[in-house]
Amino acid sequence: MLFEILPEDGSKLLFNEIASIWRISKSSLSDIINKYESQKFINKCVCDEDKRSVYISLTCEGIYIKQKLQVIEKEFLDIVLKNFHEEQGKVFEANINKALKNIIKML
């Protein structure tokens, strides 16, 4: 989910913005960010003007991962929705996205 939220162009988002968009606790988000930062997928930097503000962005490696995830997601959806009519596919995809968000909240 973090890779979906962070911009593909490498621009930065505030930590609090990400927590708000994702609707995840700040402590959980901090753990996730630390994990991906140690793997060199994201950058974390403190704002010079407000030391309490932390900016998060994708590294080149993180952008590559995001693009690969998008390709995998499209391939998966194409297979899953193969015999669906267009409207059925949209409803199914919306329901799956809701279910995934609920699963992520449990993690």
PDB file of N, CA and C in Angstrom:
ATOM      1  N   MET A   1       0.819  -1.196   0.000  1.00  0.00           N
ATOM      2  CA  MET A   1       0.000   0.000   0.000  1.00  0.00           C
ATOM      3  C   MET A   1       0.865   1.263   0.000  1.00  0.00           C
ATOM      4  N   LEU A   2       1.978   1.231   0.729  1.00  0.00           N
ATOM      5  CA  LEU A   2       2.857   2.395   0.772  1.00  0.00           C
ATOM      6  C   LEU A   2       3.355   2.749  -0.626  1.00  0.00           C
ATOM      7  N   PHE A   3       3.651   1.725  -1.432  1.00  0.00           N
ATOM      8  CA  PHE A   3       4.124   1.969  -2.791  1.00  0.00           C
ATOM      9  C   PHE A   3       3.030   2.573  -3.671  1.00  0.00           C
ATOM     10  N   GLU A   4       1.780   2.298  -3.366  1.00  0.00           N
ATOM     11  CA  GLU A   4       0.668   2.909  -4.102  1.00  0.00           C
ATOM     12  C   GLU A   4       0.521   4.385  -3.746  1.00  0.00           C
ATOM     13  N   ILE A   5       0.751   4.716  -2.502  1.00  0.00           N
ATOM     14  CA  ILE A   5       0.549   6.081  -2.017  1.00  0.00           C
ATOM     15  C   ILE A   5       1.665   7.016  -2.480  1.00  0.00           C
ATOM     16  N   LEU A   6       2.901   6.561  -2.384  1.00  0.00           N
ATOM     17  CA  LEU A   6       4.029   7.434  -2.717  1.00  0.00           C
ATOM     18  C   LEU A   6       4.104   7.674  -4.228  1.00  0.00           C
ATOM     19  N   PRO A   7       4.333   8.929  -4.631  1.00  0.00           N
ATOM     20  CA  PRO A   7       4.374   9.270  -6.060  1.00  0.00           C
ATOM     21  C   PRO A   7       5.508   8.566  -6.804  1.00  0.00           C
ATOM     22  N   GLU A   8       5.197   8.176  -8.018  1.00  0.00           N
ATOM     23  CA  GLU A   8       6.166   7.464  -8.858  1.00  0.00           C
ATOM     24  C   GLU A   8       7.294   8.369  -9.333  1.00  0.00           C
ATOM     25  N   ASP A   9       7.087   9.668  -9.286  1.00  0.00           N
ATOM     26  CA  ASP A   9       8.132  10.589  -9.751  1.00  0.00           C
ATOM     27  C   ASP A   9       9.176  10.878  -8.674  1.00  0.00           C
ATOM     28  N   GLY A  10       9.043  10.242  -7.505  1.00  0.00           N
ATOM     29  CA  GLY A  10      10.011  10.428  -6.430  1.00  0.00           C
ATOM     30  C   GLY A  10       9.769  11.644  -5.572  1.00  0.00           C
ATOM     31  N   SER A  11       8.680  12.377  -5.844  1.00  0.00           N
ATOM     32  CA  SER A  11       8.396  13.543  -5.005  1.00  0.00           C
ATOM     33  C   SER A  11       8.001  13.092  -3.600  1.00  0.00           C
ATOM     34  N   LYS A  12       8.125  14.011  -2.671  1.00  0.00           N
ATOM     35  CA  LYS A  12       7.983  13.692  -1.253  1.00  0.00           C
ATOM     36  C   LYS A  12       6.569  13.925  -0.740  1.00  0.00           C
ATOM     37  N   LEU A  13       6.186  13.111   0.237  1.00  0.00           N
ATOM     38  CA  LEU A  13       4.954  13.311   1.001  1.00  0.00           C
ATOM     39  C   LEU A  13       5.314  13.370   2.475  1.00  0.00           C
ATOM     40  N   LEU A  14       4.563  14.152   3.212  1.00  0.00           N
ATOM     41  CA  LEU A  14       4.761  14.209   4.658  1.00  0.00           C
ATOM     42  C   LEU A  14       4.295  12.905   5.304  1.00  0.00           C
ATOM     43  N   PHE A  15       5.015  12.490   6.324  1.00  0.00           N
ATOM     44  CA  PHE A  15       4.675  11.295   7.088  1.00  0.00           C
ATOM     45  C   PHE A  15       3.214  11.332   7.512  1.00  0.00           C
ATOM     46  N   ASN A  16       2.761  12.466   8.047  1.00  0.00           N
ATOM     47  CA  ASN A  16       1.377  12.585   8.521  1.00  0.00           C
ATOM     48  C   ASN A  16       0.365  12.450   7.383  1.00  0.00           C
ATOM     49  N   GLU A  17       0.722  12.944   6.186  1.00  0.00           N
ATOM     50  CA  GLU A  17      -0.163  12.795   5.024  1.00  0.00           C
ATOM     51  C   GLU A  17      -0.343  11.321   4.680  1.00  0.00           C
ATOM     52  N   ILE A  18       0.762  10.583   4.687  1.00  0.00           N
ATOM     53  CA  ILE A  18       0.707   9.153   4.372  1.00  0.00           C
ATOM     54  C   ILE A  18      -0.151   8.420   5.393  1.00  0.00           C
ATOM     55  N   ALA A  19       0.050   8.721   6.666  1.00  0.00           N
ATOM     56  CA  ALA A  19      -0.741   8.083   7.721  1.00  0.00           C
ATOM     57  C   ALA A  19      -2.224   8.379   7.535  1.00  0.00           C
ATOM     58  N   SER A  20      -2.539   9.594   7.158  1.00  0.00           N
ATOM     59  CA  SER A  20      -3.932   9.993   6.943  1.00  0.00           C
ATOM     60  C   SER A  20      -4.538   9.299   5.720  1.00  0.00           C
ATOM     61  N   ILE A  21      -3.797   9.277   4.610  1.00  0.00           N
ATOM     62  CA  ILE A  21      -4.287   8.641   3.389  1.00  0.00           C
ATOM     63  C   ILE A  21      -4.512   7.151   3.621  1.00  0.00           C
ATOM     64  N   TRP A  22      -3.554   6.514   4.261  1.00  0.00           N
ATOM     65  CA  TRP A  22      -3.572   5.064   4.475  1.00  0.00           C
ATOM     66  C   TRP A  22      -4.486   4.666   5.627  1.00  0.00           C
ATOM     67  N   ARG A  23      -4.753   5.636   6.505  1.00  0.00           N
ATOM     68  CA  ARG A  23      -5.543   5.375   7.718  1.00  0.00           C
ATOM     69  C   ARG A  23      -4.887   4.287   8.569  1.00  0.00           C
ATOM     70  N   ILE A  24      -3.619   4.507   8.832  1.00  0.00           N
ATOM     71  CA  ILE A  24      -2.810   3.587   9.609  1.00  0.00           C
ATOM     72  C   ILE A  24      -2.224   4.363  10.781  1.00  0.00           C
ATOM     73  N   SER A  25      -1.971   3.669  11.873  1.00  0.00           N
ATOM     74  CA  SER A  25      -1.401   4.353  13.035  1.00  0.00           C
ATOM     75  C   SER A  25       0.018   4.817  12.708  1.00  0.00           C
ATOM     76  N   LYS A  26       0.423   5.884  13.359  1.00  0.00           N
ATOM     77  CA  LYS A  26       1.754   6.431  13.106  1.00  0.00           C
ATOM     78  C   LYS A  26       2.845   5.463  13.527  1.00  0.00           C
ATOM     79  N   SER A  27       2.616   4.703  14.579  1.00  0.00           N
ATOM     80  CA  SER A  27       3.639   3.739  15.004  1.00  0.00           C
ATOM     81  C   SER A  27       3.777   2.602  13.992  1.00  0.00           C
ATOM     82  N   SER A  28       2.660   2.133  13.444  1.00  0.00           N
ATOM     83  CA  SER A  28       2.727   1.087  12.415  1.00  0.00           C
ATOM     84  C   SER A  28       3.401   1.610  11.158  1.00  0.00           C
ATOM     85  N   LEU A  29       3.050   2.829  10.761  1.00  0.00           N
ATOM     86  CA  LEU A  29       3.657   3.428   9.584  1.00  0.00           C
ATOM     87  C   LEU A  29       5.154   3.616   9.801  1.00  0.00           C
ATOM     88  N   SER A  30       5.537   4.036  10.968  1.00  0.00           N
ATOM     89  CA  SER A  30       6.953   4.231  11.279  1.00  0.00           C
ATOM     90  C   SER A  30       7.717   2.913  11.125  1.00  0.00           C
ATOM     91  N   ASP A  31       7.151   1.823  11.614  1.00  0.00           N
ATOM     92  CA  ASP A  31       7.790   0.507  11.482  1.00  0.00           C
ATOM     93  C   ASP A  31       7.961   0.130  10.009  1.00  0.00           C
ATOM     94  N   ILE A  32       6.911   0.355   9.218  1.00  0.00           N
ATOM     95  CA  ILE A  32       6.945   0.014   7.795  1.00  0.00           C
ATOM     96  C   ILE A  32       7.987   0.873   7.070  1.00  0.00           C
ATOM     97  N   ILE A  33       7.999   2.151   7.367  1.00  0.00           N
ATOM     98  CA  ILE A  33       8.954   3.056   6.729  1.00  0.00           C
ATOM     99  C   ILE A  33      10.387   2.674   7.082  1.00  0.00           C
ATOM    100  N   ASN A  34      10.630   2.360   8.336  1.00  0.00           N
ATOM    101  CA  ASN A  34      11.977   1.953   8.747  1.00  0.00           C
ATOM    102  C   ASN A  34      12.419   0.689   8.008  1.00  0.00           C
ATOM    103  N   LYS A  35      11.500  -0.244   7.836  1.00  0.00           N
ATOM    104  CA  LYS A  35      11.813  -1.486   7.117  1.00  0.00           C
ATOM    105  C   LYS A  35      12.216  -1.184   5.677  1.00  0.00           C
ATOM    106  N   TYR A  36      11.407  -0.402   4.970  1.00  0.00           N
ATOM    107  CA  TYR A  36      11.683  -0.107   3.565  1.00  0.00           C
ATOM    108  C   TYR A  36      12.868   0.840   3.392  1.00  0.00           C
ATOM    109  N   GLU A  37      13.104   1.674   4.375  1.00  0.00           N
ATOM    110  CA  GLU A  37      14.285   2.541   4.311  1.00  0.00           C
ATOM    111  C   GLU A  37      15.549   1.693   4.429  1.00  0.00           C
ATOM    112  N   SER A  38      15.539   0.708   5.308  1.00  0.00           N
ATOM    113  CA  SER A  38      16.715  -0.159   5.467  1.00  0.00           C
ATOM    114  C   SER A  38      16.965  -0.996   4.213  1.00  0.00           C
ATOM    115  N   GLN A  39      15.924  -1.229   3.429  1.00  0.00           N
ATOM    116  CA  GLN A  39      16.053  -1.984   2.179  1.00  0.00           C
ATOM    117  C   GLN A  39      16.331  -1.067   0.986  1.00  0.00           C
ATOM    118  N   LYS A  40      16.485   0.234   1.261  1.00  0.00           N
ATOM    119  CA  LYS A  40      16.811   1.246   0.241  1.00  0.00           C
ATOM    120  C   LYS A  40      15.689   1.466  -0.775  1.00  0.00           C
ATOM    121  N   PHE A  41      14.424   1.221  -0.386  1.00  0.00           N
ATOM    122  CA  PHE A  41      13.281   1.453  -1.268  1.00  0.00           C
ATOM    123  C   PHE A  41      12.678   2.841  -1.074  1.00  0.00           C
ATOM    124  N   ILE A  42      12.893   3.435   0.087  1.00  0.00           N
ATOM    125  CA  ILE A  42      12.378   4.779   0.342  1.00  0.00           C
ATOM    126  C   ILE A  42      13.435   5.638   1.031  1.00  0.00           C
ATOM    127  N   ASN A  43      13.269   6.941   0.881  1.00  0.00           N
ATOM    128  CA  ASN A  43      14.091   7.930   1.582  1.00  0.00           C
ATOM    129  C   ASN A  43      13.231   8.598   2.644  1.00  0.00           C
ATOM    130  N   LYS A  44      13.859   8.899   3.738  1.00  0.00           N
ATOM    131  CA  LYS A  44      13.193   9.619   4.817  1.00  0.00           C
ATOM    132  C   LYS A  44      14.085  10.802   5.159  1.00  0.00           C
ATOM    133  N   CYS A  45      13.516  12.009   5.170  1.00  0.00           N
ATOM    134  CA  CYS A  45      14.316  13.175   5.541  1.00  0.00           C
ATOM    135  C   CYS A  45      13.491  14.124   6.398  1.00  0.00           C
ATOM    136  N   VAL A  46      14.171  14.789   7.283  1.00  0.00           N
ATOM    137  CA  VAL A  46      13.546  15.743   8.201  1.00  0.00           C
ATOM    138  C   VAL A  46      13.487  17.098   7.520  1.00  0.00           C
ATOM    139  N   CYS A  47      12.378  17.762   7.666  1.00  0.00           N
ATOM    140  CA  CYS A  47      12.183  19.098   7.104  1.00  0.00           C
ATOM    141  C   CYS A  47      13.103  20.087   7.828  1.00  0.00           C
ATOM    142  N   ASP A  48      13.809  20.913   7.060  1.00  0.00           N
ATOM    143  CA  ASP A  48      14.722  21.899   7.647  1.00  0.00           C
ATOM    144  C   ASP A  48      13.981  22.958   8.450  1.00  0.00           C
ATOM    145  N   GLU A  49      12.784  23.330   7.983  1.00  0.00           N
ATOM    146  CA  GLU A  49      12.027  24.397   8.636  1.00  0.00           C
ATOM    147  C   GLU A  49      11.299  23.925   9.887  1.00  0.00           C
ATOM    148  N   ASP A  50      10.834  22.670   9.881  1.00  0.00           N
ATOM    149  CA  ASP A  50      10.100  22.125  11.022  1.00  0.00           C
ATOM    150  C   ASP A  50      10.643  20.731  11.302  1.00  0.00           C
ATOM    151  N   LYS A  51      11.489  20.623  12.301  1.00  0.00           N
ATOM    152  CA  LYS A  51      12.178  19.363  12.599  1.00  0.00           C
ATOM    153  C   LYS A  51      11.217  18.233  12.967  1.00  0.00           C
ATOM    154  N   ARG A  52       9.964  18.565  13.274  1.00  0.00           N
ATOM    155  CA  ARG A  52       8.977  17.523  13.603  1.00  0.00           C
ATOM    156  C   ARG A  52       8.389  16.896  12.349  1.00  0.00           C
ATOM    157  N   SER A  53       8.553  17.538  11.208  1.00  0.00           N
ATOM    158  CA  SER A  53       7.997  17.044   9.950  1.00  0.00           C
ATOM    159  C   SER A  53       9.016  16.155   9.236  1.00  0.00           C
ATOM    160  N   VAL A  54       8.534  14.988   8.813  1.00  0.00           N
ATOM    161  CA  VAL A  54       9.383  14.032   8.107  1.00  0.00           C
ATOM    162  C   VAL A  54       8.789  13.799   6.724  1.00  0.00           C
ATOM    163  N   TYR A  55       9.643  13.891   5.716  1.00  0.00           N
ATOM    164  CA  TYR A  55       9.228  13.644   4.338  1.00  0.00           C
ATOM    165  C   TYR A  55       9.657  12.245   3.908  1.00  0.00           C
ATOM    166  N   ILE A  56       8.791  11.596   3.142  1.00  0.00           N
ATOM    167  CA  ILE A  56       9.038  10.248   2.655  1.00  0.00           C
ATOM    168  C   ILE A  56       8.930  10.265   1.135  1.00  0.00           C
ATOM    169  N   SER A  57       9.852   9.580   0.455  1.00  0.00           N
ATOM    170  CA  SER A  57       9.801   9.463  -1.004  1.00  0.00           C
ATOM    171  C   SER A  57      10.379   8.117  -1.424  1.00  0.00           C
ATOM    172  N   LEU A  58      10.032   7.707  -2.638  1.00  0.00           N
ATOM    173  CA  LEU A  58      10.575   6.475  -3.199  1.00  0.00           C
ATOM    174  C   LEU A  58      11.973   6.736  -3.751  1.00  0.00           C
ATOM    175  N   THR A  59      12.867   5.778  -3.568  1.00  0.00           N
ATOM    176  CA  THR A  59      14.171   5.817  -4.221  1.00  0.00           C
ATOM    177  C   THR A  59      14.005   5.273  -5.641  1.00  0.00           C
ATOM    178  N   CYS A  60      15.062   5.266  -6.416  1.00  0.00           N
ATOM    179  CA  CYS A  60      15.004   4.667  -7.756  1.00  0.00           C
ATOM    180  C   CYS A  60      14.603   3.195  -7.661  1.00  0.00           C
ATOM    181  N   GLU A  61      15.145   2.497  -6.659  1.00  0.00           N
ATOM    182  CA  GLU A  61      14.785   1.092  -6.452  1.00  0.00           C
ATOM    183  C   GLU A  61      13.318   0.956  -6.079  1.00  0.00           C
ATOM    184  N   GLY A  62      12.821   1.876  -5.264  1.00  0.00           N
ATOM    185  CA  GLY A  62      11.413   1.869  -4.864  1.00  0.00           C
ATOM    186  C   GLY A  62      10.484   2.139  -6.038  1.00  0.00           C
ATOM    187  N   ILE A  63      10.887   3.052  -6.914  1.00  0.00           N
ATOM    188  CA  ILE A  63      10.096   3.346  -8.112  1.00  0.00           C
ATOM    189  C   ILE A  63      10.035   2.107  -8.998  1.00  0.00           C
ATOM    190  N   TYR A  64      11.158   1.416  -9.130  1.00  0.00           N
ATOM    191  CA  TYR A  64      11.204   0.181  -9.918  1.00  0.00           C
ATOM    192  C   TYR A  64      10.233  -0.859  -9.341  1.00  0.00           C
ATOM    193  N   ILE A  65      10.249  -1.013  -8.011  1.00  0.00           N
ATOM    194  CA  ILE A  65       9.346  -1.959  -7.340  1.00  0.00           C
ATOM    195  C   ILE A  65       7.896  -1.557  -7.580  1.00  0.00           C
ATOM    196  N   LYS A  66       7.604  -0.261  -7.462  1.00  0.00           N
ATOM    197  CA  LYS A  66       6.233   0.219  -7.679  1.00  0.00           C
ATOM    198  C   LYS A  66       5.766  -0.118  -9.093  1.00  0.00           C
ATOM    199  N   GLN A  67       6.615   0.111 -10.073  1.00  0.00           N
ATOM    200  CA  GLN A  67       6.252  -0.188 -11.461  1.00  0.00           C
ATOM    201  C   GLN A  67       6.033  -1.681 -11.663  1.00  0.00           C
ATOM    202  N   LYS A  68       6.872  -2.499 -11.070  1.00  0.00           N
ATOM    203  CA  LYS A  68       6.710  -3.957 -11.182  1.00  0.00           C
ATOM    204  C   LYS A  68       5.408  -4.412 -10.517  1.00  0.00           C
ATOM    205  N   LEU A  69       5.086  -3.829  -9.375  1.00  0.00           N
ATOM    206  CA  LEU A  69       3.833  -4.168  -8.690  1.00  0.00           C
ATOM    207  C   LEU A  69       2.619  -3.798  -9.540  1.00  0.00           C
ATOM    208  N   GLN A  70       2.702  -2.674 -10.234  1.00  0.00           N
ATOM    209  CA  GLN A  70       1.604  -2.252 -11.106  1.00  0.00           C
ATOM    210  C   GLN A  70       1.417  -3.236 -12.263  1.00  0.00           C
ATOM    211  N   VAL A  71       2.507  -3.718 -12.829  1.00  0.00           N
ATOM    212  CA  VAL A  71       2.426  -4.694 -13.912  1.00  0.00           C
ATOM    213  C   VAL A  71       1.814  -5.995 -13.411  1.00  0.00           C
ATOM    214  N   ILE A  72       2.261  -6.458 -12.248  1.00  0.00           N
ATOM    215  CA  ILE A  72       1.738  -7.697 -11.665  1.00  0.00           C
ATOM    216  C   ILE A  72       0.251  -7.548 -11.362  1.00  0.00           C
ATOM    217  N   GLU A  73      -0.137  -6.401 -10.805  1.00  0.00           N
ATOM    218  CA  GLU A  73      -1.547  -6.150 -10.491  1.00  0.00           C
ATOM    219  C   GLU A  73      -2.405  -6.195 -11.755  1.00  0.00           C
ATOM    220  N   LYS A  74      -1.933  -5.572 -12.834  1.00  0.00           N
ATOM    221  CA  LYS A  74      -2.687  -5.577 -14.091  1.00  0.00           C
ATOM    222  C   LYS A  74      -2.805  -6.984 -14.654  1.00  0.00           C
ATOM    223  N   GLU A  75      -1.716  -7.728 -14.656  1.00  0.00           N
ATOM    224  CA  GLU A  75      -1.747  -9.107 -15.158  1.00  0.00           C
ATOM    225  C   GLU A  75      -2.711  -9.961 -14.340  1.00  0.00           C
ATOM    226  N   PHE A  76      -2.661  -9.793 -13.026  1.00  0.00           N
ATOM    227  CA  PHE A  76      -3.538 -10.546 -12.138  1.00  0.00           C
ATOM    228  C   PHE A  76      -5.004 -10.221 -12.417  1.00  0.00           C
ATOM    229  N   LEU A  77      -5.308  -8.929 -12.501  1.00  0.00           N
ATOM    230  CA  LEU A  77      -6.693  -8.518 -12.764  1.00  0.00           C
ATOM    231  C   LEU A  77      -7.183  -9.006 -14.120  1.00  0.00           C
ATOM    232  N   ASP A  78      -6.326  -8.974 -15.120  1.00  0.00           N
ATOM    233  CA  ASP A  78      -6.708  -9.471 -16.438  1.00  0.00           C
ATOM    234  C   ASP A  78      -7.097 -10.947 -16.375  1.00  0.00           C
ATOM    235  N   ILE A  79      -6.340 -11.729 -15.610  1.00  0.00           N
ATOM    236  CA  ILE A  79      -6.644 -13.163 -15.467  1.00  0.00           C
ATOM    237  C   ILE A  79      -7.928 -13.366 -14.675  1.00  0.00           C
ATOM    238  N   VAL A  80      -8.056 -12.676 -13.556  1.00  0.00           N
ATOM    239  CA  VAL A  80      -9.219 -12.845 -12.679  1.00  0.00           C
ATOM    240  C   VAL A  80     -10.508 -12.397 -13.362  1.00  0.00           C
ATOM    241  N   LEU A  81     -10.439 -11.321 -14.130  1.00  0.00           N
ATOM    242  CA  LEU A  81     -11.642 -10.733 -14.719  1.00  0.00           C
ATOM    243  C   LEU A  81     -11.902 -11.201 -16.152  1.00  0.00           C
ATOM    244  N   LYS A  82     -11.234 -12.245 -16.578  1.00  0.00           N
ATOM    245  CA  LYS A  82     -11.278 -12.684 -17.966  1.00  0.00           C
ATOM    246  C   LYS A  82     -12.690 -12.858 -18.527  1.00  0.00           C
ATOM    247  N   ASN A  83     -13.594 -13.526 -17.836  1.00  0.00           N
ATOM    248  CA  ASN A  83     -14.936 -13.810 -18.359  1.00  0.00           C
ATOM    249  C   ASN A  83     -16.024 -12.926 -17.750  1.00  0.00           C
ATOM    250  N   PHE A  84     -15.621 -11.805 -17.177  1.00  0.00           N
ATOM    251  CA  PHE A  84     -16.573 -10.868 -16.602  1.00  0.00           C
ATOM    252  C   PHE A  84     -16.984  -9.846 -17.659  1.00  0.00           C
ATOM    253  N   HIS A  85     -18.221  -9.416 -17.601  1.00  0.00           N
ATOM    254  CA  HIS A  85     -18.644  -8.264 -18.389  1.00  0.00           C
ATOM    255  C   HIS A  85     -18.024  -7.036 -17.735  1.00  0.00           C
ATOM    256  N   GLU A  86     -17.922  -5.943 -18.451  1.00  0.00           N
ATOM    257  CA  GLU A  86     -17.236  -4.756 -17.952  1.00  0.00           C
ATOM    258  C   GLU A  86     -17.780  -4.284 -16.603  1.00  0.00           C
ATOM    259  N   GLU A  87     -19.094  -4.162 -16.486  1.00  0.00           N
ATOM    260  CA  GLU A  87     -19.694  -3.679 -15.233  1.00  0.00           C
ATOM    261  C   GLU A  87     -19.453  -4.665 -14.091  1.00  0.00           C
ATOM    262  N   GLN A  88     -19.553  -5.962 -14.374  1.00  0.00           N
ATOM    263  CA  GLN A  88     -19.288  -6.979 -13.356  1.00  0.00           C
ATOM    264  C   GLN A  88     -17.839  -6.863 -12.857  1.00  0.00           C
ATOM    265  N   GLY A  89     -16.935  -6.627 -13.792  1.00  0.00           N
ATOM    266  CA  GLY A  89     -15.527  -6.487 -13.428  1.00  0.00           C
ATOM    267  C   GLY A  89     -15.282  -5.297 -12.527  1.00  0.00           C
ATOM    268  N   LYS A  90     -15.935  -4.180 -12.809  1.00  0.00           N
ATOM    269  CA  LYS A  90     -15.771  -2.977 -11.988  1.00  0.00           C
ATOM    270  C   LYS A  90     -16.284  -3.203 -10.570  1.00  0.00           C
ATOM    271  N   VAL A  91     -17.444  -3.845 -10.453  1.00  0.00           N
ATOM    272  CA  VAL A  91     -18.024  -4.122  -9.137  1.00  0.00           C
ATOM    273  C   VAL A  91     -17.124  -5.080  -8.357  1.00  0.00           C
ATOM    274  N   PHE A  92     -16.673  -6.132  -9.036  1.00  0.00           N
ATOM    275  CA  PHE A  92     -15.792  -7.111  -8.397  1.00  0.00           C
ATOM    276  C   PHE A  92     -14.504  -6.446  -7.910  1.00  0.00           C
ATOM    277  N   GLU A  93     -13.881  -5.644  -8.761  1.00  0.00           N
ATOM    278  CA  GLU A  93     -12.637  -4.978  -8.396  1.00  0.00           C
ATOM    279  C   GLU A  93     -12.833  -4.027  -7.217  1.00  0.00           C
ATOM    280  N   ALA A  94     -13.936  -3.313  -7.203  1.00  0.00           N
ATOM    281  CA  ALA A  94     -14.219  -2.394  -6.089  1.00  0.00           C
ATOM    282  C   ALA A  94     -14.371  -3.166  -4.779  1.00  0.00           C
ATOM    283  N   ASN A  95     -15.054  -4.295  -4.839  1.00  0.00           N
ATOM    284  CA  ASN A  95     -15.237  -5.111  -3.633  1.00  0.00           C
ATOM    285  C   ASN A  95     -13.929  -5.735  -3.158  1.00  0.00           C
ATOM    286  N   ILE A  96     -13.112  -6.172  -4.083  1.00  0.00           N
ATOM    287  CA  ILE A  96     -11.796  -6.718  -3.719  1.00  0.00           C
ATOM    288  C   ILE A  96     -10.936  -5.634  -3.069  1.00  0.00           C
ATOM    289  N   ASN A  97     -10.968  -4.430  -3.619  1.00  0.00           N
ATOM    290  CA  ASN A  97     -10.192  -3.332  -3.032  1.00  0.00           C
ATOM    291  C   ASN A  97     -10.653  -3.022  -1.614  1.00  0.00           C
ATOM    292  N   LYS A  98     -11.942  -3.078  -1.367  1.00  0.00           N
ATOM    293  CA  LYS A  98     -12.459  -2.868  -0.008  1.00  0.00           C
ATOM    294  C   LYS A  98     -11.950  -3.962   0.923  1.00  0.00           C
ATOM    295  N   ALA A  99     -11.994  -5.211   0.455  1.00  0.00           N
ATOM    296  CA  ALA A  99     -11.540  -6.335   1.269  1.00  0.00           C
ATOM    297  C   ALA A  99     -10.045  -6.202   1.565  1.00  0.00           C
ATOM    298  N   LEU A 100      -9.263  -5.808   0.587  1.00  0.00           N
ATOM    299  CA  LEU A 100      -7.824  -5.640   0.796  1.00  0.00           C
ATOM    300  C   LEU A 100      -7.514  -4.546   1.812  1.00  0.00           C
ATOM    301  N   LYS A 101      -8.240  -3.456   1.743  1.00  0.00           N
ATOM    302  CA  LYS A 101      -8.052  -2.380   2.716  1.00  0.00           C
ATOM    303  C   LYS A 101      -8.359  -2.871   4.134  1.00  0.00           C
ATOM    304  N   ASN A 102      -9.397  -3.692   4.261  1.00  0.00           N
ATOM    305  CA  ASN A 102      -9.734  -4.243   5.570  1.00  0.00           C
ATOM    306  C   ASN A 102      -8.632  -5.175   6.068  1.00  0.00           C
ATOM    307  N   ILE A 103      -8.080  -5.967   5.178  1.00  0.00           N
ATOM    308  CA  ILE A 103      -6.987  -6.877   5.556  1.00  0.00           C
ATOM    309  C   ILE A 103      -5.767  -6.080   6.005  1.00  0.00           C
ATOM    310  N   ILE A 104      -5.450  -5.027   5.249  1.00  0.00           N
ATOM    311  CA  ILE A 104      -4.282  -4.203   5.584  1.00  0.00           C
ATOM    312  C   ILE A 104      -4.456  -3.562   6.955  1.00  0.00           C
ATOM    313  N   LYS A 105      -5.652  -3.153   7.293  1.00  0.00           N
ATOM    314  CA  LYS A 105      -5.902  -2.537   8.605  1.00  0.00           C
ATOM    315  C   LYS A 105      -5.623  -3.531   9.732  1.00  0.00           C
ATOM    316  N   MET A 106      -5.800  -4.815   9.463  1.00  0.00           N
ATOM    317  CA  MET A 106      -5.585  -5.835  10.478  1.00  0.00           C
ATOM    318  C   MET A 106      -4.099  -6.122  10.695  1.00  0.00           C
ATOM    319  N   LEU A 107      -3.261  -5.796   9.727  1.00  0.00           N
ATOM    320  CA  LEU A 107      -1.829  -6.110   9.809  1.00  0.00           C
ATOM    321  C   LEU A 107      -1.085  -5.241  10.773  1.00  0.00           C
TER     322      LEU A 107
END
